[in-house]
Amino acid sequence: MILSDEIHYQLLKMLKQNPNLTQRELAHELGISLGKTNYCLKAVIERGWVKVGNFKRSTSKMNYAYFLTPKGIEEKARMTVRFLKRKQLEYDQLVKELEELRKEAAKLDAASQYE
């Protein structure tokens, strides 16, 4: 299974903001399945971007906290730059497409007035 940079970026961003999110909450926020979330978490843990700790005082052993490691913080910064560049390119392309559509619509509107 190949996961996009965007999913990894969003996952790291969410965990940085709230390390106590459950996998179910992460899955819901990311809009992906619980299984895919588990797979993604395992991948970032194996890469050393995230470390896992469980709540010692918790009566349930199911509660974990996910903390970004220094390596994870660096990777999140790199992903942020890539994500920003990609979104800027998409934005620029969309602006260009909208301008072309406006011109086309104006021509059609002008042509329809002569009918």
PDB file of N, CA and C in Angstrom:
ATOM      1  N   MET A   1       0.850  -1.172   0.000  1.00  0.00           N
ATOM      2  CA  MET A   1       0.000   0.000   0.000  1.00  0.00           C
ATOM      3  C   MET A   1       0.901   1.242   0.000  1.00  0.00           C
ATOM      4  N   ILE A   2       0.624   2.152  -0.922  1.00  0.00           N
ATOM      5  CA  ILE A   2       1.393   3.387  -1.006  1.00  0.00           C
ATOM      6  C   ILE A   2       0.527   4.519  -0.487  1.00  0.00           C
ATOM      7  N   LEU A   3       1.072   5.284   0.453  1.00  0.00           N
ATOM      8  CA  LEU A   3       0.339   6.407   1.019  1.00  0.00           C
ATOM      9  C   LEU A   3       0.942   7.708   0.524  1.00  0.00           C
ATOM     10  N   SER A   4       0.106   8.652   0.267  1.00  0.00           N
ATOM     11  CA  SER A   4       0.559   9.917  -0.282  1.00  0.00           C
ATOM     12  C   SER A   4       1.265  10.758   0.774  1.00  0.00           C
ATOM     13  N   ASP A   5       2.095  11.658   0.267  1.00  0.00           N
ATOM     14  CA  ASP A   5       2.744  12.626   1.147  1.00  0.00           C
ATOM     15  C   ASP A   5       1.700  13.427   1.909  1.00  0.00           C
ATOM     16  N   GLU A   6       0.570  13.690   1.246  1.00  0.00           N
ATOM     17  CA  GLU A   6      -0.456  14.503   1.887  1.00  0.00           C
ATOM     18  C   GLU A   6      -1.016  13.811   3.128  1.00  0.00           C
ATOM     19  N   ILE A   7      -1.233  12.506   3.050  1.00  0.00           N
ATOM     20  CA  ILE A   7      -1.736  11.772   4.223  1.00  0.00           C
ATOM     21  C   ILE A   7      -0.683  11.788   5.326  1.00  0.00           C
ATOM     22  N   HIS A   8       0.574  11.526   4.961  1.00  0.00           N
ATOM     23  CA  HIS A   8       1.641  11.571   5.970  1.00  0.00           C
ATOM     24  C   HIS A   8       1.740  12.968   6.586  1.00  0.00           C
ATOM     25  N   TYR A   9       1.664  13.987   5.744  1.00  0.00           N
ATOM     26  CA  TYR A   9       1.737  15.365   6.234  1.00  0.00           C
ATOM     27  C   TYR A   9       0.594  15.646   7.213  1.00  0.00           C
ATOM     28  N   GLN A  10      -0.638  15.316   6.794  1.00  0.00           N
ATOM     29  CA  GLN A  10      -1.796  15.572   7.655  1.00  0.00           C
ATOM     30  C   GLN A  10      -1.694  14.787   8.966  1.00  0.00           C
ATOM     31  N   LEU A  11      -1.221  13.549   8.883  1.00  0.00           N
ATOM     32  CA  LEU A  11      -1.067  12.724  10.079  1.00  0.00           C
ATOM     33  C   LEU A  11      -0.066  13.363  11.041  1.00  0.00           C
ATOM     34  N   LEU A  12       1.099  13.743  10.539  1.00  0.00           N
ATOM     35  CA  LEU A  12       2.115  14.360  11.391  1.00  0.00           C
ATOM     36  C   LEU A  12       1.617  15.680  11.972  1.00  0.00           C
ATOM     37  N   LYS A  13       0.909  16.440  11.168  1.00  0.00           N
ATOM     38  CA  LYS A  13       0.353  17.718  11.627  1.00  0.00           C
ATOM     39  C   LYS A  13      -0.633  17.497  12.780  1.00  0.00           C
ATOM     40  N   MET A  14      -1.519  16.514  12.616  1.00  0.00           N
ATOM     41  CA  MET A  14      -2.513  16.225  13.652  1.00  0.00           C
ATOM     42  C   MET A  14      -1.862  15.721  14.941  1.00  0.00           C
ATOM     43  N   LEU A  15      -0.870  14.840  14.777  1.00  0.00           N
ATOM     44  CA  LEU A  15      -0.213  14.295  15.964  1.00  0.00           C
ATOM     45  C   LEU A  15       0.593  15.369  16.696  1.00  0.00           C
ATOM     46  N   LYS A  16       1.153  16.310  15.954  1.00  0.00           N
ATOM     47  CA  LYS A  16       1.888  17.416  16.587  1.00  0.00           C
ATOM     48  C   LYS A  16       0.931  18.254  17.413  1.00  0.00           C
ATOM     49  N   GLN A  17      -0.267  18.493  16.877  1.00  0.00           N
ATOM     50  CA  GLN A  17      -1.263  19.310  17.561  1.00  0.00           C
ATOM     51  C   GLN A  17      -1.898  18.576  18.744  1.00  0.00           C
ATOM     52  N   ASN A  18      -2.101  17.265  18.580  1.00  0.00           N
ATOM     53  CA  ASN A  18      -2.762  16.497  19.635  1.00  0.00           C
ATOM     54  C   ASN A  18      -2.243  15.064  19.643  1.00  0.00           C
ATOM     55  N   PRO A  19      -1.193  14.786  20.426  1.00  0.00           N
ATOM     56  CA  PRO A  19      -0.606  13.444  20.450  1.00  0.00           C
ATOM     57  C   PRO A  19      -1.516  12.377  21.064  1.00  0.00           C
ATOM     58  N   ASN A  20      -2.608  12.797  21.684  1.00  0.00           N
ATOM     59  CA  ASN A  20      -3.492  11.843  22.356  1.00  0.00           C
ATOM     60  C   ASN A  20      -4.647  11.367  21.488  1.00  0.00           C
ATOM     61  N   LEU A  21      -4.653  11.734  20.212  1.00  0.00           N
ATOM     62  CA  LEU A  21      -5.721  11.256  19.329  1.00  0.00           C
ATOM     63  C   LEU A  21      -5.667   9.740  19.213  1.00  0.00           C
ATOM     64  N   THR A  22      -6.824   9.132  19.168  1.00  0.00           N
ATOM     65  CA  THR A  22      -6.876   7.690  18.963  1.00  0.00           C
ATOM     66  C   THR A  22      -6.781   7.408  17.468  1.00  0.00           C
ATOM     67  N   GLN A  23      -6.499   6.163  17.141  1.00  0.00           N
ATOM     68  CA  GLN A  23      -6.441   5.792  15.726  1.00  0.00           C
ATOM     69  C   GLN A  23      -7.795   6.017  15.058  1.00  0.00           C
ATOM     70  N   ARG A  24      -8.838   5.756  15.777  1.00  0.00           N
ATOM     71  CA  ARG A  24     -10.186   5.952  15.233  1.00  0.00           C
ATOM     72  C   ARG A  24     -10.425   7.434  14.941  1.00  0.00           C
ATOM     73  N   GLU A  25     -10.005   8.306  15.856  1.00  0.00           N
ATOM     74  CA  GLU A  25     -10.161   9.751  15.642  1.00  0.00           C
ATOM     75  C   GLU A  25      -9.303  10.215  14.461  1.00  0.00           C
ATOM     76  N   LEU A  26      -8.078   9.701  14.392  1.00  0.00           N
ATOM     77  CA  LEU A  26      -7.200  10.039  13.272  1.00  0.00           C
ATOM     78  C   LEU A  26      -7.821   9.613  11.945  1.00  0.00           C
ATOM     79  N   ALA A  27      -8.343   8.400  11.915  1.00  0.00           N
ATOM     80  CA  ALA A  27      -8.973   7.886  10.695  1.00  0.00           C
ATOM     81  C   ALA A  27     -10.117   8.796  10.266  1.00  0.00           C
ATOM     82  N   HIS A  28     -10.933   9.187  11.224  1.00  0.00           N
ATOM     83  CA  HIS A  28     -12.066  10.059  10.922  1.00  0.00           C
ATOM     84  C   HIS A  28     -11.581  11.406  10.376  1.00  0.00           C
ATOM     85  N   GLU A  29     -10.613  12.005  11.049  1.00  0.00           N
ATOM     86  CA  GLU A  29     -10.094  13.310  10.630  1.00  0.00           C
ATOM     87  C   GLU A  29      -9.403  13.252   9.266  1.00  0.00           C
ATOM     88  N   LEU A  30      -8.696  12.160   9.001  1.00  0.00           N
ATOM     89  CA  LEU A  30      -7.990  12.003   7.732  1.00  0.00           C
ATOM     90  C   LEU A  30      -8.914  11.566   6.600  1.00  0.00           C
ATOM     91  N   GLY A  31     -10.060  11.042   6.966  1.00  0.00           N
ATOM     92  CA  GLY A  31     -11.003  10.558   5.954  1.00  0.00           C
ATOM     93  C   GLY A  31     -10.556   9.256   5.311  1.00  0.00           C
ATOM     94  N   ILE A  32      -9.840   8.431   6.086  1.00  0.00           N
ATOM     95  CA  ILE A  32      -9.372   7.135   5.592  1.00  0.00           C
ATOM     96  C   ILE A  32      -9.824   6.053   6.566  1.00  0.00           C
ATOM     97  N   SER A  33      -9.671   4.805   6.160  1.00  0.00           N
ATOM     98  CA  SER A  33     -10.117   3.697   7.001  1.00  0.00           C
ATOM     99  C   SER A  33      -9.211   3.545   8.218  1.00  0.00           C
ATOM    100  N   LEU A  34      -9.729   2.871   9.218  1.00  0.00           N
ATOM    101  CA  LEU A  34      -8.961   2.592  10.427  1.00  0.00           C
ATOM    102  C   LEU A  34      -7.743   1.736  10.099  1.00  0.00           C
ATOM    103  N   GLY A  35      -7.909   0.755   9.218  1.00  0.00           N
ATOM    104  CA  GLY A  35      -6.788  -0.098   8.805  1.00  0.00           C
ATOM    105  C   GLY A  35      -5.689   0.694   8.111  1.00  0.00           C
ATOM    106  N   LYS A  36      -6.083   1.622   7.239  1.00  0.00           N
ATOM    107  CA  LYS A  36      -5.106   2.454   6.544  1.00  0.00           C
ATOM    108  C   LYS A  36      -4.397   3.377   7.536  1.00  0.00           C
ATOM    109  N   THR A  37      -5.133   3.865   8.519  1.00  0.00           N
ATOM    110  CA  THR A  37      -4.540   4.715   9.556  1.00  0.00           C
ATOM    111  C   THR A  37      -3.510   3.919  10.344  1.00  0.00           C
ATOM    112  N   ASN A  38      -3.850   2.694  10.716  1.00  0.00           N
ATOM    113  CA  ASN A  38      -2.928   1.838  11.452  1.00  0.00           C
ATOM    114  C   ASN A  38      -1.667   1.594  10.634  1.00  0.00           C
ATOM    115  N   TYR A  39      -1.836   1.310   9.346  1.00  0.00           N
ATOM    116  CA  TYR A  39      -0.712   1.077   8.445  1.00  0.00           C
ATOM    117  C   TYR A  39       0.181   2.317   8.376  1.00  0.00           C
ATOM    118  N   CYS A  40      -0.428   3.472   8.253  1.00  0.00           N
ATOM    119  CA  CYS A  40       0.312   4.727   8.155  1.00  0.00           C
ATOM    120  C   CYS A  40       1.065   5.014   9.452  1.00  0.00           C
ATOM    121  N   LEU A  41       0.418   4.800  10.579  1.00  0.00           N
ATOM    122  CA  LEU A  41       1.089   5.006  11.873  1.00  0.00           C
ATOM    123  C   LEU A  41       2.296   4.081  12.018  1.00  0.00           C
ATOM    124  N   LYS A  42       2.123   2.826  11.638  1.00  0.00           N
ATOM    125  CA  LYS A  42       3.244   1.888  11.708  1.00  0.00           C
ATOM    126  C   LYS A  42       4.403   2.363  10.833  1.00  0.00           C
ATOM    127  N   ALA A  43       4.073   2.890   9.659  1.00  0.00           N
ATOM    128  CA  ALA A  43       5.111   3.365   8.734  1.00  0.00           C
ATOM    129  C   ALA A  43       5.896   4.534   9.323  1.00  0.00           C
ATOM    130  N   VAL A  44       5.196   5.497   9.912  1.00  0.00           N
ATOM    131  CA  VAL A  44       5.914   6.656  10.461  1.00  0.00           C
ATOM    132  C   VAL A  44       6.683   6.296  11.731  1.00  0.00           C
ATOM    133  N   ILE A  45       6.193   5.300  12.463  1.00  0.00           N
ATOM    134  CA  ILE A  45       6.913   4.823  13.642  1.00  0.00           C
ATOM    135  C   ILE A  45       8.188   4.107  13.206  1.00  0.00           C
ATOM    136  N   GLU A  46       8.079   3.239  12.184  1.00  0.00           N
ATOM    137  CA  GLU A  46       9.249   2.513  11.674  1.00  0.00           C
ATOM    138  C   GLU A  46      10.306   3.456  11.104  1.00  0.00           C
ATOM    139  N   ARG A  47       9.865   4.565  10.521  1.00  0.00           N
ATOM    140  CA  ARG A  47      10.805   5.540   9.962  1.00  0.00           C
ATOM    141  C   ARG A  47      11.453   6.399  11.050  1.00  0.00           C
ATOM    142  N   GLY A  48      10.946   6.269  12.265  1.00  0.00           N
ATOM    143  CA  GLY A  48      11.505   7.037  13.370  1.00  0.00           C
ATOM    144  C   GLY A  48      10.960   8.448  13.473  1.00  0.00           C
ATOM    145  N   TRP A  49       9.837   8.711  12.797  1.00  0.00           N
ATOM    146  CA  TRP A  49       9.249  10.045  12.835  1.00  0.00           C
ATOM    147  C   TRP A  49       8.344  10.235  14.045  1.00  0.00           C
ATOM    148  N   VAL A  50       7.820   9.123  14.568  1.00  0.00           N
ATOM    149  CA  VAL A  50       6.874   9.165  15.680  1.00  0.00           C
ATOM    150  C   VAL A  50       7.267   8.093  16.682  1.00  0.00           C
ATOM    151  N   LYS A  51       7.141   8.433  17.967  1.00  0.00           N
ATOM    152  CA  LYS A  51       7.317   7.421  19.002  1.00  0.00           C
ATOM    153  C   LYS A  51       5.988   7.280  19.733  1.00  0.00           C
ATOM    154  N   VAL A  52       5.779   6.101  20.284  1.00  0.00           N
ATOM    155  CA  VAL A  52       4.514   5.787  20.936  1.00  0.00           C
ATOM    156  C   VAL A  52       4.756   5.592  22.421  1.00  0.00           C
ATOM    157  N   GLY A  53       3.859   6.152  23.200  1.00  0.00           N
ATOM    158  CA  GLY A  53       3.882   5.922  24.642  1.00  0.00           C
ATOM    159  C   GLY A  53       2.473   5.617  25.090  1.00  0.00           C
ATOM    160  N   ASN A  54       2.338   4.707  26.030  1.00  0.00           N
ATOM    161  CA  ASN A  54       0.977   4.465  26.519  1.00  0.00           C
ATOM    162  C   ASN A  54       0.820   5.151  27.863  1.00  0.00           C
ATOM    163  N   PHE A  55      -0.424   5.476  28.189  1.00  0.00           N
ATOM    164  CA  PHE A  55      -0.716   6.164  29.431  1.00  0.00           C
ATOM    165  C   PHE A  55      -0.528   5.199  30.591  1.00  0.00           C
ATOM    166  N   LYS A  56       0.422   5.475  31.447  1.00  0.00           N
ATOM    167  CA  LYS A  56       0.720   4.562  32.555  1.00  0.00           C
ATOM    168  C   LYS A  56      -0.404   4.491  33.574  1.00  0.00           C
ATOM    169  N   ARG A  57      -1.094   5.583  33.767  1.00  0.00           N
ATOM    170  CA  ARG A  57      -2.154   5.616  34.774  1.00  0.00           C
ATOM    171  C   ARG A  57      -3.495   5.134  34.230  1.00  0.00           C
ATOM    172  N   SER A  58      -3.539   4.862  32.963  1.00  0.00           N
ATOM    173  CA  SER A  58      -4.794   4.459  32.337  1.00  0.00           C
ATOM    174  C   SER A  58      -5.163   3.033  32.728  1.00  0.00           C
ATOM    175  N   THR A  59      -6.440   2.814  32.960  1.00  0.00           N
ATOM    176  CA  THR A  59      -6.918   1.461  33.254  1.00  0.00           C
ATOM    177  C   THR A  59      -7.023   0.655  31.972  1.00  0.00           C
ATOM    178  N   SER A  60      -7.064   1.357  30.858  1.00  0.00           N
ATOM    179  CA  SER A  60      -7.140   0.688  29.557  1.00  0.00           C
ATOM    180  C   SER A  60      -5.779   0.733  28.891  1.00  0.00           C
ATOM    181  N   LYS A  61      -5.298  -0.394  28.457  1.00  0.00           N
ATOM    182  CA  LYS A  61      -4.012  -0.453  27.759  1.00  0.00           C
ATOM    183  C   LYS A  61      -4.150  -0.013  26.309  1.00  0.00           C
ATOM    184  N   MET A  62      -5.354   0.394  25.909  1.00  0.00           N
ATOM    185  CA  MET A  62      -5.606   0.800  24.540  1.00  0.00           C
ATOM    186  C   MET A  62      -5.257   2.273  24.299  1.00  0.00           C
ATOM    187  N   ASN A  63      -4.985   3.020  25.353  1.00  0.00           N
ATOM    188  CA  ASN A  63      -4.722   4.444  25.200  1.00  0.00           C
ATOM    189  C   ASN A  63      -3.242   4.705  24.976  1.00  0.00           C
ATOM    190  N   TYR A  64      -2.941   5.350  23.861  1.00  0.00           N
ATOM    191  CA  TYR A  64      -1.566   5.658  23.499  1.00  0.00           C
ATOM    192  C   TYR A  64      -1.444   7.133  23.181  1.00  0.00           C
ATOM    193  N   ALA A  65      -0.230   7.625  23.268  1.00  0.00           N
ATOM    194  CA  ALA A  65       0.083   8.978  22.817  1.00  0.00           C
ATOM    195  C   ALA A  65       1.150   8.836  21.743  1.00  0.00           C
ATOM    196  N   TYR A  66       1.031   9.617  20.705  1.00  0.00           N
ATOM    197  CA  TYR A  66       1.963   9.575  19.586  1.00  0.00           C
ATOM    198  C   TYR A  66       2.721  10.903  19.542  1.00  0.00           C
ATOM    199  N   PHE A  67       4.021  10.835  19.724  1.00  0.00           N
ATOM    200  CA  PHE A  67       4.848  12.034  19.775  1.00  0.00           C
ATOM    201  C   PHE A  67       5.793  12.090  18.577  1.00  0.00           C
ATOM    202  N   LEU A  68       5.883  13.262  17.964  1.00  0.00           N
ATOM    203  CA  LEU A  68       6.845  13.437  16.885  1.00  0.00           C
ATOM    204  C   LEU A  68       8.249  13.471  17.472  1.00  0.00           C
ATOM    205  N   THR A  69       9.138  12.756  16.844  1.00  0.00           N
ATOM    206  CA  THR A  69      10.539  12.758  17.233  1.00  0.00           C
ATOM    207  C   THR A  69      11.211  13.952  16.546  1.00  0.00           C
ATOM    208  N   PRO A  70      12.431  14.295  16.937  1.00  0.00           N
ATOM    209  CA  PRO A  70      13.135  15.359  16.206  1.00  0.00           C
ATOM    210  C   PRO A  70      13.212  15.064  14.703  1.00  0.00           C
ATOM    211  N   LYS A  71      13.438  13.800  14.358  1.00  0.00           N
ATOM    212  CA  LYS A  71      13.463  13.393  12.949  1.00  0.00           C
ATOM    213  C   LYS A  71      12.087  13.608  12.311  1.00  0.00           C
ATOM    214  N   GLY A  72      11.029  13.327  13.055  1.00  0.00           N
ATOM    215  CA  GLY A  72       9.667  13.531  12.561  1.00  0.00           C
ATOM    216  C   GLY A  72       9.342  15.003  12.365  1.00  0.00           C
ATOM    217  N   ILE A  73       9.846  15.841  13.257  1.00  0.00           N
ATOM    218  CA  ILE A  73       9.630  17.285  13.131  1.00  0.00           C
ATOM    219  C   ILE A  73      10.339  17.810  11.884  1.00  0.00           C
ATOM    220  N   GLU A  74      11.556  17.329  11.640  1.00  0.00           N
ATOM    221  CA  GLU A  74      12.294  17.728  10.432  1.00  0.00           C
ATOM    222  C   GLU A  74      11.556  17.272   9.175  1.00  0.00           C
ATOM    223  N   GLU A  75      11.080  16.037   9.181  1.00  0.00           N
ATOM    224  CA  GLU A  75      10.370  15.516   8.013  1.00  0.00           C
ATOM    225  C   GLU A  75       9.071  16.278   7.785  1.00  0.00           C
ATOM    226  N   LYS A  76       8.374  16.619   8.860  1.00  0.00           N
ATOM    227  CA  LYS A  76       7.136  17.394   8.736  1.00  0.00           C
ATOM    228  C   LYS A  76       7.439  18.746   8.106  1.00  0.00           C
ATOM    229  N   ALA A  77       8.551  19.368   8.482  1.00  0.00           N
ATOM    230  CA  ALA A  77       8.938  20.653   7.890  1.00  0.00           C
ATOM    231  C   ALA A  77       9.195  20.498   6.390  1.00  0.00           C
ATOM    232  N   ARG A  78       9.904  19.432   6.008  1.00  0.00           N
ATOM    233  CA  ARG A  78      10.149  19.189   4.579  1.00  0.00           C
ATOM    234  C   ARG A  78       8.839  18.942   3.834  1.00  0.00           C
ATOM    235  N   MET A  79       7.964  18.159   4.454  1.00  0.00           N
ATOM    236  CA  MET A  79       6.674  17.876   3.827  1.00  0.00           C
ATOM    237  C   MET A  79       5.850  19.151   3.689  1.00  0.00           C
ATOM    238  N   THR A  80       5.939  20.023   4.677  1.00  0.00           N
ATOM    239  CA  THR A  80       5.201  21.281   4.638  1.00  0.00           C
ATOM    240  C   THR A  80       5.626  22.102   3.431  1.00  0.00           C
ATOM    241  N   VAL A  81       6.926  22.174   3.186  1.00  0.00           N
ATOM    242  CA  VAL A  81       7.441  22.920   2.035  1.00  0.00           C
ATOM    243  C   VAL A  81       6.953  22.293   0.734  1.00  0.00           C
ATOM    244  N   ARG A  82       7.058  20.960   0.624  1.00  0.00           N
ATOM    245  CA  ARG A  82       6.586  20.276  -0.593  1.00  0.00           C
ATOM    246  C   ARG A  82       5.083  20.473  -0.794  1.00  0.00           C
ATOM    247  N   PHE A  83       4.332  20.350   0.288  1.00  0.00           N
ATOM    248  CA  PHE A  83       2.886  20.500   0.249  1.00  0.00           C
ATOM    249  C   PHE A  83       2.526  21.918  -0.200  1.00  0.00           C
ATOM    250  N   LEU A  84       3.213  22.908   0.351  1.00  0.00           N
ATOM    251  CA  LEU A  84       2.958  24.299  -0.006  1.00  0.00           C
ATOM    252  C   LEU A  84       3.266  24.547  -1.481  1.00  0.00           C
ATOM    253  N   LYS A  85       4.386  24.038  -1.968  1.00  0.00           N
ATOM    254  CA  LYS A  85       4.741  24.205  -3.378  1.00  0.00           C
ATOM    255  C   LYS A  85       3.697  23.575  -4.289  1.00  0.00           C
ATOM    256  N   ARG A  86       3.257  22.361  -3.927  1.00  0.00           N
ATOM    257  CA  ARG A  86       2.264  21.663  -4.744  1.00  0.00           C
ATOM    258  C   ARG A  86       0.930  22.423  -4.745  1.00  0.00           C
ATOM    259  N   LYS A  87       0.508  22.903  -3.590  1.00  0.00           N
ATOM    260  CA  LYS A  87      -0.753  23.646  -3.501  1.00  0.00           C
ATOM    261  C   LYS A  87      -0.659  24.982  -4.235  1.00  0.00           C
ATOM    262  N   GLN A  88       0.516  25.632  -4.179  1.00  0.00           N
ATOM    263  CA  GLN A  88       0.699  26.890  -4.899  1.00  0.00           C
ATOM    264  C   GLN A  88       0.604  26.658  -6.405  1.00  0.00           C
ATOM    265  N   LEU A  89       1.207  25.579  -6.879  1.00  0.00           N
ATOM    266  CA  LEU A  89       1.134  25.238  -8.294  1.00  0.00           C
ATOM    267  C   LEU A  89      -0.315  24.960  -8.705  1.00  0.00           C
ATOM    268  N   GLU A  90      -1.032  24.194  -7.888  1.00  0.00           N
ATOM    269  CA  GLU A  90      -2.440  23.910  -8.171  1.00  0.00           C
ATOM    270  C   GLU A  90      -3.247  25.208  -8.207  1.00  0.00           C
ATOM    271  N   TYR A  91      -2.971  26.107  -7.275  1.00  0.00           N
ATOM    272  CA  TYR A  91      -3.664  27.392  -7.206  1.00  0.00           C
ATOM    273  C   TYR A  91      -3.388  28.211  -8.467  1.00  0.00           C
ATOM    274  N   ASP A  92      -2.113  28.305  -8.853  1.00  0.00           N
ATOM    275  CA  ASP A  92      -1.732  29.068 -10.042  1.00  0.00           C
ATOM    276  C   ASP A  92      -2.420  28.506 -11.289  1.00  0.00           C
ATOM    277  N   GLN A  93      -2.461  27.176 -11.405  1.00  0.00           N
ATOM    278  CA  GLN A  93      -3.122  26.546 -12.548  1.00  0.00           C
ATOM    279  C   GLN A  93      -4.624  26.824 -12.542  1.00  0.00           C
ATOM    280  N   LEU A  94      -5.213  26.801 -11.367  1.00  0.00           N
ATOM    281  CA  LEU A  94      -6.642  27.076 -11.250  1.00  0.00           C
ATOM    282  C   LEU A  94      -6.955  28.526 -11.616  1.00  0.00           C
ATOM    283  N   VAL A  95      -6.128  29.466 -11.173  1.00  0.00           N
ATOM    284  CA  VAL A  95      -6.323  30.872 -11.513  1.00  0.00           C
ATOM    285  C   VAL A  95      -6.254  31.054 -13.033  1.00  0.00           C
ATOM    286  N   LYS A  96      -5.283  30.397 -13.664  1.00  0.00           N
ATOM    287  CA  LYS A  96      -5.135  30.492 -15.115  1.00  0.00           C
ATOM    288  C   LYS A  96      -6.366  29.912 -15.817  1.00  0.00           C
ATOM    289  N   GLU A  97      -6.821  28.755 -15.355  1.00  0.00           N
ATOM    290  CA  GLU A  97      -7.996  28.120 -15.951  1.00  0.00           C
ATOM    291  C   GLU A  97      -9.242  28.985 -15.784  1.00  0.00           C
ATOM    292  N   LEU A  98      -9.408  29.593 -14.606  1.00  0.00           N
ATOM    293  CA  LEU A  98     -10.562  30.461 -14.375  1.00  0.00           C
ATOM    294  C   LEU A  98     -10.532  31.678 -15.297  1.00  0.00           C
ATOM    295  N   GLU A  99      -9.362  32.248 -15.501  1.00  0.00           N
ATOM    296  CA  GLU A  99      -9.235  33.397 -16.396  1.00  0.00           C
ATOM    297  C   GLU A  99      -9.618  33.016 -17.824  1.00  0.00           C
ATOM    298  N   GLU A 100      -9.166  31.852 -18.271  1.00  0.00           N
ATOM    299  CA  GLU A 100      -9.512  31.378 -19.611  1.00  0.00           C
ATOM    300  C   GLU A 100     -11.023  31.153 -19.735  1.00  0.00           C
ATOM    301  N   LEU A 101     -11.628  30.587 -18.697  1.00  0.00           N
ATOM    302  CA  LEU A 101     -13.078  30.365 -18.718  1.00  0.00           C
ATOM    303  C   LEU A 101     -13.844  31.683 -18.731  1.00  0.00           C
ATOM    304  N   ARG A 102     -13.364  32.669 -17.986  1.00  0.00           N
ATOM    305  CA  ARG A 102     -14.014  33.984 -17.984  1.00  0.00           C
ATOM    306  C   ARG A 102     -13.973  34.607 -19.385  1.00  0.00           C
ATOM    307  N   LYS A 103     -12.815  34.506 -20.049  1.00  0.00           N
ATOM    308  CA  LYS A 103     -12.676  35.045 -21.399  1.00  0.00           C
ATOM    309  C   LYS A 103     -13.628  34.331 -22.357  1.00  0.00           C
ATOM    310  N   GLU A 104     -13.680  33.003 -22.244  1.00  0.00           N
ATOM    311  CA  GLU A 104     -14.562  32.214 -23.106  1.00  0.00           C
ATOM    312  C   GLU A 104     -16.020  32.580 -22.857  1.00  0.00           C
ATOM    313  N   ALA A 105     -16.388  32.711 -21.589  1.00  0.00           N
ATOM    314  CA  ALA A 105     -17.769  33.067 -21.243  1.00  0.00           C
ATOM    315  C   ALA A 105     -18.116  34.459 -21.762  1.00  0.00           C
ATOM    316  N   ALA A 106     -17.169  35.392 -21.680  1.00  0.00           N
ATOM    317  CA  ALA A 106     -17.410  36.751 -22.164  1.00  0.00           C
ATOM    318  C   ALA A 106     -17.619  36.746 -23.680  1.00  0.00           C
ATOM    319  N   LYS A 107     -16.820  35.940 -24.406  1.00  0.00           N
ATOM    320  CA  LYS A 107     -16.982  35.833 -25.862  1.00  0.00           C
ATOM    321  C   LYS A 107     -18.341  35.243 -26.213  1.00  0.00           C
ATOM    322  N   LEU A 108     -18.743  34.197 -25.484  1.00  0.00           N
ATOM    323  CA  LEU A 108     -20.040  33.568 -25.747  1.00  0.00           C
ATOM    324  C   LEU A 108     -21.177  34.530 -25.443  1.00  0.00           C
ATOM    325  N   ASP A 109     -21.022  35.296 -24.375  1.00  0.00           N
ATOM    326  CA  ASP A 109     -22.054  36.261 -23.997  1.00  0.00           C
ATOM    327  C   ASP A 109     -22.162  37.347 -25.067  1.00  0.00           C
ATOM    328  N   ALA A 110     -21.007  37.818 -25.537  1.00  0.00           N
ATOM    329  CA  ALA A 110     -21.001  38.857 -26.582  1.00  0.00           C
ATOM    330  C   ALA A 110     -21.613  38.313 -27.861  1.00  0.00           C
ATOM    331  N   ALA A 111     -21.285  37.075 -28.232  1.00  0.00           N
ATOM    332  CA  ALA A 111     -21.817  36.473 -29.465  1.00  0.00           C
ATOM    333  C   ALA A 111     -23.326  36.261 -29.370  1.00  0.00           C
ATOM    334  N   SER A 112     -23.811  35.918 -28.189  1.00  0.00           N
ATOM    335  CA  SER A 112     -25.252  35.672 -28.036  1.00  0.00           C
ATOM    336  C   SER A 112     -26.048  36.970 -28.123  1.00  0.00           C
ATOM    337  N   GLN A 113     -25.433  38.117 -27.879  1.00  0.00           N
ATOM    338  CA  GLN A 113     -26.141  39.402 -27.959  1.00  0.00           C
ATOM    339  C   GLN A 113     -26.391  39.795 -29.412  1.00  0.00           C
ATOM    340  N   TYR A 114     -25.625  39.231 -30.337  1.00  0.00           N
ATOM    341  CA  TYR A 114     -25.794  39.561 -31.756  1.00  0.00           C
ATOM    342  C   TYR A 114     -26.825  38.672 -32.445  1.00  0.00           C
ATOM    343  N   GLU A 115     -27.342  37.701 -31.753  1.00  0.00           N
ATOM    344  CA  GLU A 115     -28.304  36.790 -32.380  1.00  0.00           C
ATOM    345  C   GLU A 115     -29.679  37.368 -32.440  1.00  0.00           C
TER     346      GLU A 115
END
